[in-house]
Amino acid sequence: MNERRALQRVVAIVAALPVAAGLYGVLFGVNGLAPGVANVSIDSHFRYLSGLLTGIGVLFWTCVPGIEGKAGLFRFLTLVVVLGGLARLLGLYLTGIPSLTMLGALVVELVLTPLLCMWQARIAAQGPPDAQGLRHAQGLRHAQGPARAAPAPRDG
């Protein structure tokens, strides 16, 4: 498996996390995490943010095909995720340490997502797969010396 394909697979798997968590939040609301919360406004806001989380995951999935050409969207999504992670980090400082699930989300937001963005930038710098193969073939030809024409057949 080449590096591009590996990145595509990792992004597809990691993007499933916000899609699944977001859908869970949309369907079950804040009571899916903290049963007994009766504030309708908090539940409404939680479901809205869960919808955004789902959308972020779906947009990361749209980056998988042709991932080398999706640098702009990938970087924008990474910025959004990191900003959310920084907000979560501020909450940790202001209110205390959250659950292990939330700490895991913090690691994904502030470590894993930026690492994936750097990996995507590396793949983008290599160009599309066809260009990679062409560069490789050109490198082989250059290493072998100039191409020689086949000798003309003799009459006789």
N, C-alpha and C. Protein backbone atom coordinates (compact mmCIF):
# COMPACT_ATOMS: atom_id res chain seq x y z
N MET A 1 0.86 -1.18 0.00
CA MET A 1 0.00 0.00 0.00
C MET A 1 0.90 1.24 0.00
N ASN A 2 0.59 2.20 -0.88
CA ASN A 2 1.41 3.40 -0.91
C ASN A 2 0.97 4.39 0.16
N GLU A 3 1.77 5.43 0.33
CA GLU A 3 1.51 6.41 1.40
C GLU A 3 0.20 7.16 1.20
N ARG A 4 -0.12 7.50 -0.03
CA ARG A 4 -1.36 8.20 -0.33
C ARG A 4 -2.56 7.36 0.09
N ARG A 5 -2.55 6.09 -0.28
CA ARG A 5 -3.65 5.18 0.06
C ARG A 5 -3.75 5.02 1.58
N ALA A 6 -2.62 4.96 2.26
CA ALA A 6 -2.63 4.84 3.72
C ALA A 6 -3.28 6.07 4.36
N LEU A 7 -2.93 7.26 3.86
CA LEU A 7 -3.54 8.49 4.39
C LEU A 7 -5.04 8.47 4.15
N GLN A 8 -5.46 8.07 2.96
CA GLN A 8 -6.90 8.02 2.67
C GLN A 8 -7.62 7.10 3.65
N ARG A 9 -7.04 5.96 3.92
CA ARG A 9 -7.69 5.02 4.84
C ARG A 9 -7.75 5.57 6.26
N VAL A 10 -6.66 6.18 6.71
CA VAL A 10 -6.64 6.73 8.07
C VAL A 10 -7.66 7.86 8.20
N VAL A 11 -7.70 8.76 7.22
CA VAL A 11 -8.67 9.87 7.28
C VAL A 11 -10.10 9.33 7.26
N ALA A 12 -10.37 8.33 6.44
CA ALA A 12 -11.72 7.76 6.38
C ALA A 12 -12.11 7.18 7.74
N ILE A 13 -11.18 6.52 8.40
CA ILE A 13 -11.48 5.92 9.71
C ILE A 13 -11.63 6.99 10.78
N VAL A 14 -10.68 7.93 10.83
CA VAL A 14 -10.72 8.97 11.87
C VAL A 14 -11.95 9.87 11.69
N ALA A 15 -12.36 10.14 10.45
CA ALA A 15 -13.54 10.98 10.22
C ALA A 15 -14.82 10.31 10.72
N ALA A 16 -14.79 9.00 10.87
CA ALA A 16 -15.95 8.30 11.41
C ALA A 16 -16.21 8.70 12.87
N LEU A 17 -15.18 9.13 13.58
CA LEU A 17 -15.36 9.53 14.99
C LEU A 17 -16.30 10.73 15.13
N PRO A 18 -16.03 11.86 14.44
CA PRO A 18 -16.98 12.97 14.59
C PRO A 18 -18.36 12.69 13.99
N VAL A 19 -18.40 11.88 12.95
CA VAL A 19 -19.71 11.54 12.37
C VAL A 19 -20.52 10.75 13.40
N ALA A 20 -19.91 9.73 13.98
CA ALA A 20 -20.63 8.89 14.96
C ALA A 20 -20.99 9.68 16.21
N ALA A 21 -20.03 10.44 16.75
CA ALA A 21 -20.30 11.22 17.96
C ALA A 21 -21.36 12.29 17.69
N GLY A 22 -21.26 12.91 16.52
CA GLY A 22 -22.24 13.94 16.17
C GLY A 22 -23.64 13.39 16.01
N LEU A 23 -23.75 12.26 15.30
CA LEU A 23 -25.07 11.65 15.14
C LEU A 23 -25.66 11.22 16.48
N TYR A 24 -24.81 10.69 17.35
CA TYR A 24 -25.26 10.30 18.68
C TYR A 24 -25.82 11.52 19.42
N GLY A 25 -25.08 12.64 19.34
CA GLY A 25 -25.54 13.86 20.00
C GLY A 25 -26.82 14.41 19.41
N VAL A 26 -26.95 14.33 18.09
CA VAL A 26 -28.17 14.79 17.43
C VAL A 26 -29.36 13.94 17.86
N LEU A 27 -29.17 12.63 17.90
CA LEU A 27 -30.28 11.72 18.21
C LEU A 27 -30.66 11.70 19.69
N PHE A 28 -29.66 11.76 20.58
CA PHE A 28 -29.93 11.57 22.01
C PHE A 28 -29.80 12.85 22.83
N GLY A 29 -29.26 13.90 22.24
CA GLY A 29 -29.14 15.16 22.96
C GLY A 29 -28.18 15.08 24.12
N VAL A 30 -28.23 16.11 24.94
CA VAL A 30 -27.32 16.19 26.08
C VAL A 30 -27.58 15.06 27.08
N ASN A 31 -28.80 14.54 27.12
CA ASN A 31 -29.12 13.44 28.03
C ASN A 31 -28.42 12.15 27.65
N GLY A 32 -27.91 12.07 26.42
CA GLY A 32 -27.11 10.91 26.02
C GLY A 32 -25.78 10.86 26.75
N LEU A 33 -25.31 12.02 27.22
CA LEU A 33 -24.06 12.09 27.98
C LEU A 33 -24.31 12.27 29.47
N ALA A 34 -25.29 13.07 29.79
CA ALA A 34 -25.56 13.39 31.20
C ALA A 34 -27.06 13.28 31.45
N PRO A 35 -27.55 12.06 31.71
CA PRO A 35 -28.99 11.89 31.93
C PRO A 35 -29.51 12.79 33.05
N GLY A 36 -30.70 13.31 32.83
CA GLY A 36 -31.35 14.12 33.86
C GLY A 36 -31.23 15.62 33.61
N VAL A 37 -30.55 16.04 32.56
CA VAL A 37 -30.47 17.47 32.26
C VAL A 37 -31.79 17.88 31.62
N ALA A 38 -32.49 18.79 32.27
CA ALA A 38 -33.83 19.13 31.81
C ALA A 38 -33.89 20.45 31.06
N ASN A 39 -32.79 21.15 30.91
CA ASN A 39 -32.80 22.45 30.26
C ASN A 39 -32.90 22.28 28.75
N VAL A 40 -34.00 22.72 28.19
CA VAL A 40 -34.28 22.56 26.77
C VAL A 40 -33.29 23.36 25.93
N SER A 41 -32.91 24.53 26.38
CA SER A 41 -31.97 25.37 25.63
C SER A 41 -30.59 24.72 25.55
N ILE A 42 -30.13 24.14 26.64
CA ILE A 42 -28.84 23.44 26.63
C ILE A 42 -28.91 22.25 25.67
N ASP A 43 -30.01 21.51 25.73
CA ASP A 43 -30.16 20.37 24.83
C ASP A 43 -30.20 20.81 23.37
N SER A 44 -30.90 21.91 23.09
CA SER A 44 -30.98 22.42 21.73
C SER A 44 -29.59 22.82 21.22
N HIS A 45 -28.84 23.52 22.04
CA HIS A 45 -27.50 23.95 21.65
C HIS A 45 -26.58 22.74 21.45
N PHE A 46 -26.71 21.77 22.32
CA PHE A 46 -25.89 20.55 22.21
C PHE A 46 -26.20 19.82 20.89
N ARG A 47 -27.47 19.72 20.54
CA ARG A 47 -27.84 19.06 19.28
C ARG A 47 -27.32 19.85 18.07
N TYR A 48 -27.38 21.17 18.14
CA TYR A 48 -26.86 22.00 17.06
C TYR A 48 -25.36 21.75 16.88
N LEU A 49 -24.61 21.81 17.96
CA LEU A 49 -23.16 21.58 17.88
C LEU A 49 -22.85 20.15 17.43
N SER A 50 -23.70 19.21 17.80
CA SER A 50 -23.53 17.84 17.34
C SER A 50 -23.73 17.74 15.83
N GLY A 51 -24.67 18.52 15.31
CA GLY A 51 -24.86 18.57 13.86
C GLY A 51 -23.64 19.13 13.16
N LEU A 52 -23.04 20.17 13.72
CA LEU A 52 -21.80 20.71 13.16
C LEU A 52 -20.69 19.67 13.18
N LEU A 53 -20.60 18.94 14.27
CA LEU A 53 -19.58 17.89 14.40
C LEU A 53 -19.78 16.83 13.32
N THR A 54 -21.02 16.44 13.09
CA THR A 54 -21.32 15.48 12.04
C THR A 54 -20.87 16.03 10.68
N GLY A 55 -21.19 17.28 10.43
CA GLY A 55 -20.80 17.91 9.17
C GLY A 55 -19.30 17.96 8.97
N ILE A 56 -18.56 18.23 10.02
CA ILE A 56 -17.09 18.25 9.93
C ILE A 56 -16.58 16.88 9.51
N GLY A 57 -17.11 15.83 10.12
CA GLY A 57 -16.68 14.48 9.75
C GLY A 57 -17.02 14.15 8.31
N VAL A 58 -18.23 14.51 7.88
CA VAL A 58 -18.64 14.25 6.49
C VAL A 58 -17.74 15.01 5.53
N LEU A 59 -17.40 16.26 5.85
CA LEU A 59 -16.51 17.04 4.99
C LEU A 59 -15.11 16.43 4.92
N PHE A 60 -14.63 15.88 6.03
CA PHE A 60 -13.35 15.17 5.98
C PHE A 60 -13.46 13.96 5.05
N TRP A 61 -14.61 13.28 5.08
CA TRP A 61 -14.80 12.14 4.16
C TRP A 61 -14.74 12.60 2.71
N THR A 62 -15.25 13.81 2.41
CA THR A 62 -15.19 14.28 1.03
C THR A 62 -13.76 14.56 0.58
N CYS A 63 -12.85 14.66 1.52
CA CYS A 63 -11.43 14.87 1.18
C CYS A 63 -10.74 13.57 0.79
N VAL A 64 -11.31 12.43 1.09
CA VAL A 64 -10.64 11.15 0.86
C VAL A 64 -10.36 10.90 -0.63
N PRO A 65 -11.36 10.97 -1.52
CA PRO A 65 -11.03 10.79 -2.94
C PRO A 65 -10.23 11.99 -3.43
N GLY A 66 -9.13 11.74 -4.08
CA GLY A 66 -8.29 12.83 -4.58
C GLY A 66 -7.71 13.67 -3.46
N ILE A 67 -7.31 13.03 -2.38
CA ILE A 67 -6.88 13.73 -1.16
C ILE A 67 -5.73 14.69 -1.41
N GLU A 68 -4.90 14.40 -2.41
CA GLU A 68 -3.75 15.26 -2.68
C GLU A 68 -4.18 16.63 -3.21
N GLY A 69 -5.38 16.75 -3.71
CA GLY A 69 -5.86 18.02 -4.24
C GLY A 69 -6.80 18.76 -3.32
N LYS A 70 -6.97 18.30 -2.09
CA LYS A 70 -7.95 18.89 -1.16
C LYS A 70 -7.28 19.66 -0.03
N ALA A 71 -6.10 20.22 -0.27
CA ALA A 71 -5.34 20.89 0.80
C ALA A 71 -6.12 22.03 1.44
N GLY A 72 -6.78 22.87 0.64
CA GLY A 72 -7.50 24.01 1.19
C GLY A 72 -8.60 23.60 2.15
N LEU A 73 -9.44 22.69 1.73
CA LEU A 73 -10.52 22.22 2.59
C LEU A 73 -9.97 21.49 3.81
N PHE A 74 -8.96 20.67 3.60
CA PHE A 74 -8.38 19.91 4.70
C PHE A 74 -7.81 20.85 5.76
N ARG A 75 -7.12 21.89 5.32
CA ARG A 75 -6.54 22.85 6.28
C ARG A 75 -7.62 23.64 6.99
N PHE A 76 -8.66 24.03 6.26
CA PHE A 76 -9.76 24.76 6.89
C PHE A 76 -10.43 23.90 7.97
N LEU A 77 -10.73 22.65 7.64
CA LEU A 77 -11.35 21.76 8.61
C LEU A 77 -10.44 21.55 9.81
N THR A 78 -9.14 21.43 9.56
CA THR A 78 -8.19 21.28 10.67
C THR A 78 -8.23 22.51 11.57
N LEU A 79 -8.28 23.69 10.98
CA LEU A 79 -8.37 24.93 11.77
C LEU A 79 -9.62 24.92 12.64
N VAL A 80 -10.75 24.53 12.07
CA VAL A 80 -12.01 24.48 12.83
C VAL A 80 -11.88 23.51 14.00
N VAL A 81 -11.31 22.34 13.74
CA VAL A 81 -11.16 21.32 14.80
C VAL A 81 -10.21 21.81 15.89
N VAL A 82 -9.09 22.41 15.50
CA VAL A 82 -8.13 22.91 16.48
C VAL A 82 -8.74 24.04 17.32
N LEU A 83 -9.50 24.93 16.69
CA LEU A 83 -10.17 25.98 17.46
C LEU A 83 -11.12 25.38 18.49
N GLY A 84 -11.86 24.35 18.07
CA GLY A 84 -12.73 23.66 19.03
C GLY A 84 -11.93 23.02 20.15
N GLY A 85 -10.79 22.43 19.81
CA GLY A 85 -9.93 21.82 20.82
C GLY A 85 -9.37 22.86 21.79
N LEU A 86 -9.01 24.03 21.28
CA LEU A 86 -8.52 25.09 22.16
C LEU A 86 -9.63 25.57 23.10
N ALA A 87 -10.87 25.63 22.59
CA ALA A 87 -12.00 25.99 23.46
C ALA A 87 -12.19 24.93 24.55
N ARG A 88 -12.04 23.65 24.17
CA ARG A 88 -12.15 22.57 25.15
C ARG A 88 -11.04 22.67 26.19
N LEU A 89 -9.83 23.02 25.73
CA LEU A 89 -8.69 23.17 26.63
C LEU A 89 -8.92 24.33 27.60
N LEU A 90 -9.49 25.42 27.12
CA LEU A 90 -9.82 26.53 28.00
C LEU A 90 -10.83 26.09 29.05
N GLY A 91 -11.83 25.31 28.63
CA GLY A 91 -12.82 24.79 29.57
C GLY A 91 -12.17 23.91 30.63
N LEU A 92 -11.18 23.14 30.23
CA LEU A 92 -10.46 22.29 31.19
C LEU A 92 -9.79 23.16 32.24
N TYR A 93 -9.17 24.26 31.78
CA TYR A 93 -8.50 25.18 32.70
C TYR A 93 -9.50 25.87 33.63
N LEU A 94 -10.64 26.29 33.08
CA LEU A 94 -11.61 27.07 33.85
C LEU A 94 -12.48 26.23 34.77
N THR A 95 -12.81 25.00 34.35
CA THR A 95 -13.79 24.23 35.13
C THR A 95 -13.27 22.91 35.67
N GLY A 96 -12.12 22.45 35.23
CA GLY A 96 -11.58 21.20 35.75
C GLY A 96 -11.46 20.13 34.67
N ILE A 97 -10.94 19.00 35.09
CA ILE A 97 -10.65 17.91 34.16
C ILE A 97 -11.95 17.16 33.83
N PRO A 98 -12.24 17.02 32.54
CA PRO A 98 -13.46 16.30 32.13
C PRO A 98 -13.22 14.78 32.11
N SER A 99 -14.18 14.07 31.57
CA SER A 99 -14.09 12.60 31.49
C SER A 99 -12.97 12.17 30.55
N LEU A 100 -12.62 10.91 30.63
CA LEU A 100 -11.59 10.36 29.73
C LEU A 100 -12.01 10.48 28.26
N THR A 101 -13.29 10.35 27.99
CA THR A 101 -13.78 10.50 26.63
C THR A 101 -13.47 11.89 26.10
N MET A 102 -13.71 12.91 26.91
CA MET A 102 -13.45 14.29 26.49
C MET A 102 -11.94 14.55 26.38
N LEU A 103 -11.15 13.94 27.24
CA LEU A 103 -9.70 14.08 27.13
C LEU A 103 -9.18 13.41 25.86
N GLY A 104 -9.79 12.29 25.51
CA GLY A 104 -9.44 11.63 24.25
C GLY A 104 -9.79 12.50 23.06
N ALA A 105 -10.95 13.15 23.12
CA ALA A 105 -11.35 14.06 22.05
C ALA A 105 -10.36 15.22 21.94
N LEU A 106 -9.87 15.69 23.07
CA LEU A 106 -8.89 16.77 23.08
C LEU A 106 -7.59 16.37 22.37
N VAL A 107 -7.16 15.15 22.58
CA VAL A 107 -5.96 14.65 21.90
C VAL A 107 -6.20 14.56 20.40
N VAL A 108 -7.38 14.10 20.00
CA VAL A 108 -7.70 14.04 18.57
C VAL A 108 -7.71 15.45 17.97
N GLU A 109 -8.27 16.40 18.69
CA GLU A 109 -8.42 17.76 18.19
C GLU A 109 -7.09 18.52 18.10
N LEU A 110 -6.24 18.35 19.10
CA LEU A 110 -5.03 19.16 19.16
C LEU A 110 -3.76 18.43 18.73
N VAL A 111 -3.82 17.11 18.57
CA VAL A 111 -2.63 16.36 18.17
C VAL A 111 -2.88 15.60 16.87
N LEU A 112 -3.84 14.71 16.87
CA LEU A 112 -4.05 13.82 15.72
C LEU A 112 -4.46 14.59 14.46
N THR A 113 -5.42 15.50 14.58
CA THR A 113 -5.89 16.22 13.39
C THR A 113 -4.78 17.08 12.77
N PRO A 114 -4.00 17.84 13.55
CA PRO A 114 -2.88 18.57 12.94
C PRO A 114 -1.84 17.65 12.30
N LEU A 115 -1.59 16.49 12.90
CA LEU A 115 -0.65 15.53 12.29
C LEU A 115 -1.19 15.03 10.95
N LEU A 116 -2.49 14.75 10.89
CA LEU A 116 -3.08 14.32 9.62
C LEU A 116 -2.99 15.44 8.58
N CYS A 117 -3.15 16.67 9.02
CA CYS A 117 -3.05 17.81 8.09
C CYS A 117 -1.63 17.91 7.53
N MET A 118 -0.64 17.71 8.37
CA MET A 118 0.75 17.75 7.90
C MET A 118 1.02 16.61 6.92
N TRP A 119 0.44 15.45 7.20
CA TRP A 119 0.60 14.30 6.31
C TRP A 119 -0.07 14.59 4.96
N GLN A 120 -1.26 15.18 5.02
CA GLN A 120 -1.95 15.52 3.78
C GLN A 120 -1.13 16.53 2.97
N ALA A 121 -0.51 17.50 3.64
CA ALA A 121 0.32 18.48 2.95
C ALA A 121 1.51 17.80 2.27
N ARG A 122 2.07 16.81 2.91
CA ARG A 122 3.18 16.06 2.33
C ARG A 122 2.74 15.35 1.06
N ILE A 123 1.58 14.72 1.12
CA ILE A 123 1.05 14.00 -0.05
C ILE A 123 0.70 15.00 -1.15
N ALA A 124 0.12 16.14 -0.77
CA ALA A 124 -0.25 17.16 -1.76
C ALA A 124 0.99 17.69 -2.48
N ALA A 125 2.09 17.83 -1.77
CA ALA A 125 3.32 18.33 -2.37
C ALA A 125 3.88 17.35 -3.40
N GLN A 126 3.54 16.09 -3.28
CA GLN A 126 4.00 15.08 -4.23
C GLN A 126 3.21 15.11 -5.53
N GLY A 127 2.05 15.77 -5.52
CA GLY A 127 1.23 15.85 -6.72
C GLY A 127 0.31 14.66 -6.86
N PRO A 128 -0.49 14.68 -7.93
CA PRO A 128 -1.44 13.58 -8.15
C PRO A 128 -0.72 12.27 -8.44
N PRO A 129 -1.39 11.15 -8.24
CA PRO A 129 -0.75 9.85 -8.43
C PRO A 129 -0.15 9.68 -9.82
N ASP A 130 -0.82 10.17 -10.87
CA ASP A 130 -0.27 10.03 -12.22
C ASP A 130 1.05 10.77 -12.35
N ALA A 131 1.13 11.96 -11.75
CA ALA A 131 2.36 12.74 -11.81
C ALA A 131 3.47 12.03 -11.04
N GLN A 132 3.11 11.36 -9.93
CA GLN A 132 4.11 10.63 -9.15
C GLN A 132 4.69 9.51 -10.00
N GLY A 133 3.85 8.78 -10.70
CA GLY A 133 4.32 7.69 -11.55
C GLY A 133 5.16 8.21 -12.70
N LEU A 134 4.76 9.35 -13.27
CA LEU A 134 5.50 9.94 -14.38
C LEU A 134 6.88 10.39 -13.91
N ARG A 135 6.93 11.04 -12.73
CA ARG A 135 8.23 11.46 -12.20
C ARG A 135 9.12 10.27 -11.95
N HIS A 136 8.54 9.19 -11.43
CA HIS A 136 9.32 7.98 -11.16
C HIS A 136 9.86 7.41 -12.47
N ALA A 137 9.02 7.34 -13.50
CA ALA A 137 9.45 6.80 -14.79
C ALA A 137 10.52 7.69 -15.41
N GLN A 138 10.35 9.02 -15.28
CA GLN A 138 11.35 9.93 -15.83
C GLN A 138 12.68 9.77 -15.10
N GLY A 139 12.60 9.55 -13.80
CA GLY A 139 13.82 9.33 -13.02
C GLY A 139 14.54 8.08 -13.47
N LEU A 140 13.77 7.03 -13.78
CA LEU A 140 14.39 5.79 -14.26
C LEU A 140 15.05 6.00 -15.61
N ARG A 141 14.37 6.71 -16.50
CA ARG A 141 14.96 6.96 -17.83
C ARG A 141 16.23 7.78 -17.70
N HIS A 142 16.19 8.78 -16.82
CA HIS A 142 17.36 9.63 -16.64
C HIS A 142 18.54 8.81 -16.09
N ALA A 143 18.24 7.93 -15.16
CA ALA A 143 19.29 7.10 -14.57
C ALA A 143 19.87 6.12 -15.59
N GLN A 144 19.08 5.69 -16.57
CA GLN A 144 19.54 4.72 -17.57
C GLN A 144 20.24 5.40 -18.73
N GLY A 145 20.20 6.71 -18.80
CA GLY A 145 20.81 7.41 -19.91
C GLY A 145 19.78 7.66 -21.00
N PRO A 146 20.19 8.35 -22.05
CA PRO A 146 19.22 8.67 -23.11
C PRO A 146 18.69 7.42 -23.80
N ALA A 147 17.44 7.53 -24.21
CA ALA A 147 16.82 6.40 -24.91
C ALA A 147 17.47 6.26 -26.29
N ARG A 148 17.68 5.04 -26.71
CA ARG A 148 18.28 4.78 -28.02
C ARG A 148 17.24 4.19 -28.94
N ALA A 149 17.29 4.61 -30.17
CA ALA A 149 16.37 4.10 -31.17
C ALA A 149 16.81 2.69 -31.57
N ALA A 150 15.86 1.87 -31.86
CA ALA A 150 16.16 0.50 -32.31
C ALA A 150 16.82 0.57 -33.69
N PRO A 151 17.76 -0.30 -33.97
CA PRO A 151 18.40 -0.27 -35.30
C PRO A 151 17.38 -0.60 -36.38
N ALA A 152 17.56 0.07 -37.52
CA ALA A 152 16.67 -0.16 -38.65
C ALA A 152 16.92 -1.56 -39.21
N PRO A 153 15.86 -2.23 -39.65
CA PRO A 153 16.04 -3.57 -40.21
C PRO A 153 16.81 -3.49 -41.55
N ARG A 154 17.62 -4.49 -41.80
CA ARG A 154 18.42 -4.55 -43.03
C ARG A 154 17.62 -5.20 -44.12
N ASP A 155 17.77 -4.68 -45.29
CA ASP A 155 17.14 -5.32 -46.46
C ASP A 155 18.16 -6.30 -47.02
N GLY A 156 17.74 -7.39 -47.37
CA GLY A 156 18.69 -8.19 -48.09
C GLY A 156 18.68 -9.56 -47.88
